[in-house]
Amino acid sequence: MEAASQPPPEASLPDGDDDPPERGPLRRCVVTRESQAKESMIRFVVGPDRALVADLAGRLPGRGIWLSAQGDVFDRALKAGSFAKAARGPVQLAPDLKARIVGGLRSRIRDLIGFARRGGQAVAGREAVLEWLRAGRPVLLVEASDGSEAERARLLGGRPLEVLSPLTAEELGGVFGRDRAVHVAIAEGRMADALRQEAKRLAGFAPG
């Protein structure tokens, strides 16, 4: 989950290499030392109680500690003490922090689909999705991760469409006020792009 803690003043990265101010589109991972688009990474901040908080929206004030959105990189950061080094002092790590990140990303995906639904940019259900496809409407398909592969193939009908499967049928159904939803179509545009990014971050932390 995302927590709103007030982070401390600026911190330095390990090895004496100061992080540049948080301006521009790129950030550097404290483990791999590679620069990536900030939207594809996970930002952390340290609260006044020294608790490490995953700032999934990237909006909390103060200096961030940036990490590649990969579960193995997170594990390496814990093993190497990278967060404490970057924060220039001890940090409190919740034992379920990784699970909180996964849960927070899933929640963000549900919220994005909900925003798209309320804006008329998303539909659920086989017939509603097929109606959009037959009309030639550019869409991003979101299929339940526990849905039938054969049913998915029949829906696609050979169409070369991008498909994401970040949520279960129960999770997707909850967005649309029903018990389950296996097929969801999102109109191409800004919301679809945001979903792609969040699904990529989630896949890095919870592959499969």
Protein backbone atom coordinates (compact mmCIF):
# COMPACT_ATOMS: atom_id res chain seq x y z
CA MET A 1 0.00 0.00 0.00
CA GLU A 2 1.11 3.58 -0.44
CA ALA A 3 1.84 5.47 2.73
CA ALA A 4 2.19 9.23 3.03
CA SER A 5 5.19 9.71 5.30
CA GLN A 6 7.23 12.92 5.44
CA PRO A 7 10.73 12.07 4.18
CA PRO A 8 13.92 13.58 5.62
CA PRO A 9 16.22 16.07 3.90
CA GLU A 10 18.34 15.08 0.93
CA ALA A 11 20.28 11.83 1.07
CA SER A 12 23.25 10.65 -0.94
CA LEU A 13 23.65 7.49 -2.91
CA PRO A 14 26.11 4.79 -1.90
CA ASP A 15 29.78 4.88 -2.82
CA GLY A 16 29.90 8.63 -2.33
CA ASP A 17 28.14 9.26 -5.64
CA ASP A 18 25.64 12.07 -5.12
CA ASP A 19 22.34 11.69 -6.92
CA PRO A 20 21.44 14.67 -9.14
CA PRO A 21 18.29 16.64 -8.28
CA GLU A 22 15.05 14.91 -9.23
CA ARG A 23 14.57 16.76 -12.49
CA GLY A 24 14.16 15.36 -15.98
CA PRO A 25 12.76 12.00 -17.10
CA LEU A 26 15.55 9.68 -15.91
CA ARG A 27 16.50 8.29 -12.51
CA ARG A 28 19.38 6.03 -11.47
CA CYS A 29 18.82 2.71 -9.71
CA VAL A 30 20.74 2.47 -6.43
CA VAL A 31 21.56 -1.18 -7.14
CA THR A 32 22.21 -1.53 -10.87
CA ARG A 33 23.39 2.09 -11.26
CA GLU A 34 21.52 2.20 -14.57
CA SER A 35 19.45 5.24 -15.54
CA GLN A 36 15.87 4.56 -16.59
CA ALA A 37 12.64 6.45 -17.15
CA LYS A 38 11.28 7.30 -13.72
CA GLU A 39 7.83 5.95 -14.63
CA SER A 40 9.31 2.46 -15.01
CA MET A 41 10.98 2.47 -11.58
CA ILE A 42 9.93 2.35 -7.94
CA ARG A 43 10.61 5.39 -5.77
CA PHE A 44 11.17 5.04 -2.03
CA VAL A 45 11.33 7.67 0.67
CA VAL A 46 12.33 7.48 4.34
CA GLY A 47 9.89 8.85 6.88
CA PRO A 48 10.76 10.72 10.09
CA ASP A 49 10.54 7.39 11.94
CA ARG A 50 13.14 6.04 9.47
CA ALA A 51 10.55 3.69 7.93
CA LEU A 52 11.08 3.00 4.24
CA VAL A 53 7.98 3.79 2.19
CA ALA A 54 7.32 2.77 -1.40
CA ASP A 55 6.09 5.95 -3.12
CA LEU A 56 4.38 4.25 -6.06
CA ALA A 57 2.82 7.48 -7.34
CA GLY A 58 6.17 9.27 -7.12
CA ARG A 59 4.61 12.29 -5.45
CA LEU A 60 5.84 12.33 -1.86
CA PRO A 61 8.10 15.30 -1.04
CA GLY A 62 11.82 15.01 -0.46
CA ARG A 63 14.71 13.11 -1.98
CA GLY A 64 13.78 9.73 -3.40
CA ILE A 65 15.65 6.46 -3.48
CA TRP A 66 15.04 4.89 -6.89
CA LEU A 67 15.05 1.20 -7.74
CA SER A 68 14.49 -0.76 -10.92
CA ALA A 69 11.04 -2.35 -10.82
CA GLN A 70 12.35 -5.89 -10.51
CA GLY A 71 11.82 -8.21 -7.58
CA ASP A 72 15.36 -9.59 -7.79
CA VAL A 73 16.82 -6.08 -7.73
CA PHE A 74 14.75 -5.33 -4.62
CA ASP A 75 16.11 -8.50 -3.01
CA ARG A 76 19.66 -7.45 -3.88
CA ALA A 77 19.02 -4.02 -2.34
CA LEU A 78 17.96 -5.65 0.92
CA LYS A 79 20.93 -7.99 0.99
CA ALA A 80 23.44 -5.24 0.25
CA GLY A 81 21.88 -2.67 2.59
CA SER A 82 21.44 -0.30 -0.35
CA PHE A 83 18.53 1.58 1.18
CA ALA A 84 20.45 2.42 4.36
CA LYS A 85 23.46 3.50 2.32
CA ALA A 86 21.35 5.73 0.12
CA ALA A 87 19.59 7.21 3.15
CA ARG A 88 22.92 7.71 4.95
CA GLY A 89 21.60 6.00 8.05
CA PRO A 90 19.52 3.09 9.32
CA VAL A 91 16.07 2.51 7.87
CA GLN A 92 13.15 0.47 9.14
CA LEU A 93 12.02 -2.16 6.65
CA ALA A 94 8.59 -3.72 6.99
CA PRO A 95 8.88 -7.51 6.62
CA ASP A 96 6.04 -7.47 4.08
CA LEU A 97 7.31 -4.48 2.10
CA LYS A 98 7.61 -6.45 -1.13
CA ALA A 99 4.04 -7.71 -0.77
CA ARG A 100 2.89 -4.14 -0.09
CA ILE A 101 4.50 -3.00 -3.33
CA VAL A 102 2.76 -5.77 -5.28
CA GLY A 103 -0.56 -4.96 -3.61
CA GLY A 104 -0.12 -1.26 -4.25
CA LEU A 105 0.59 -1.80 -7.94
CA ARG A 106 -2.44 -4.05 -8.31
CA SER A 107 -4.55 -1.36 -6.64
CA ARG A 108 -3.21 1.28 -9.04
CA ILE A 109 -4.14 -0.92 -12.00
CA ARG A 110 -7.67 -1.37 -10.66
CA ASP A 111 -7.96 2.38 -10.16
CA LEU A 112 -6.82 3.12 -13.72
CA ILE A 113 -9.34 0.69 -15.18
CA GLY A 114 -11.98 2.26 -12.96
CA PHE A 115 -11.11 5.73 -14.24
CA ALA A 116 -11.34 4.43 -17.82
CA ARG A 117 -14.73 2.84 -17.12
CA ARG A 118 -16.16 6.01 -15.63
CA GLY A 119 -14.89 7.98 -18.60
CA GLY A 120 -16.51 5.63 -21.12
CA GLN A 121 -13.10 4.34 -22.15
CA ALA A 122 -13.50 0.76 -20.93
CA VAL A 123 -16.00 -2.06 -21.33
CA ALA A 124 -16.19 -5.54 -19.81
CA GLY A 125 -17.72 -8.77 -21.02
CA ARG A 126 -17.26 -10.81 -24.17
CA GLU A 127 -20.05 -9.24 -26.22
CA ALA A 128 -19.17 -5.66 -25.28
CA VAL A 129 -15.51 -6.24 -26.11
CA LEU A 130 -16.38 -7.94 -29.41
CA GLU A 131 -18.59 -5.00 -30.34
CA TRP A 132 -15.61 -2.67 -30.01
CA LEU A 133 -13.35 -5.05 -31.92
CA ARG A 134 -15.82 -5.50 -34.78
CA ALA A 135 -16.15 -1.73 -35.01
CA GLY A 136 -12.40 -1.54 -35.53
CA ARG A 137 -11.89 0.55 -32.41
CA PRO A 138 -8.22 0.63 -31.31
CA VAL A 139 -8.10 -1.05 -27.92
CA LEU A 140 -5.83 -2.58 -25.34
CA LEU A 141 -7.21 -5.89 -24.10
CA VAL A 142 -7.01 -6.72 -20.41
CA GLU A 143 -7.68 -10.41 -19.86
CA ALA A 144 -8.13 -12.12 -16.50
CA SER A 145 -4.95 -13.89 -15.45
CA ASP A 146 -7.02 -16.92 -14.43
CA GLY A 147 -9.15 -16.93 -17.59
CA SER A 148 -9.25 -19.64 -20.23
CA GLU A 149 -6.53 -19.49 -22.87
CA ALA A 150 -8.85 -21.11 -25.39
CA GLU A 151 -11.59 -18.57 -24.69
CA ARG A 152 -9.08 -15.76 -25.07
CA ALA A 153 -7.96 -17.13 -28.44
CA ARG A 154 -11.56 -17.32 -29.65
CA LEU A 155 -12.15 -13.71 -28.62
CA LEU A 156 -9.04 -12.52 -30.43
CA GLY A 157 -9.96 -14.45 -33.56
CA GLY A 158 -6.47 -14.06 -34.92
CA ARG A 159 -6.38 -10.29 -34.36
CA PRO A 160 -2.83 -9.12 -33.53
CA LEU A 161 -3.80 -7.22 -30.40
CA GLU A 162 -1.76 -6.48 -27.32
CA VAL A 163 -3.05 -8.31 -24.25
CA LEU A 164 -2.28 -7.63 -20.58
CA SER A 165 -3.20 -10.01 -17.75
CA PRO A 166 -2.27 -8.28 -14.50
CA LEU A 167 -5.45 -9.07 -12.51
CA THR A 168 -7.74 -11.99 -11.76
CA ALA A 169 -11.31 -12.25 -13.00
CA GLU A 170 -12.55 -11.40 -9.51
CA GLU A 171 -10.38 -8.27 -9.35
CA LEU A 172 -11.51 -7.14 -12.80
CA GLY A 173 -15.12 -7.87 -11.95
CA GLY A 174 -14.92 -5.71 -8.85
CA VAL A 175 -14.04 -2.71 -11.01
CA PHE A 176 -17.23 -3.19 -13.03
CA GLY A 177 -19.52 -4.04 -10.10
CA ARG A 178 -19.83 -7.72 -10.90
CA ASP A 179 -18.49 -10.95 -9.45
CA ARG A 180 -16.12 -11.68 -12.34
CA ALA A 181 -14.93 -10.16 -15.59
CA VAL A 182 -12.67 -12.12 -17.92
CA HIS A 183 -12.52 -9.76 -20.90
CA VAL A 184 -11.96 -6.00 -20.68
CA ALA A 185 -11.21 -3.55 -23.48
CA ILE A 186 -9.53 -0.20 -22.84
CA ALA A 187 -9.66 2.50 -25.53
CA GLU A 188 -6.19 3.36 -26.78
CA GLY A 189 -4.85 6.59 -25.37
CA ARG A 190 -3.30 8.01 -22.23
CA MET A 191 -5.13 5.64 -19.87
CA ALA A 192 -4.08 2.58 -21.86
CA ASP A 193 -0.47 3.77 -21.83
CA ALA A 194 -0.59 4.23 -18.06
CA LEU A 195 -1.97 0.70 -17.69
CA ARG A 196 0.88 -0.68 -19.77
CA GLN A 197 3.40 1.00 -17.50
CA GLU A 198 1.81 -0.19 -14.27
CA ALA A 199 1.41 -3.73 -15.62
CA LYS A 200 5.09 -3.75 -16.53
CA ARG A 201 6.10 -2.65 -13.03
CA LEU A 202 3.83 -5.30 -11.50
CA ALA A 203 5.24 -8.02 -13.76
CA GLY A 204 8.73 -7.10 -12.57
CA PHE A 205 7.78 -7.65 -8.94
CA ALA A 206 5.25 -10.46 -9.37
CA PRO A 207 6.17 -12.32 -12.61
CA GLY A 208 4.00 -15.06 -13.93
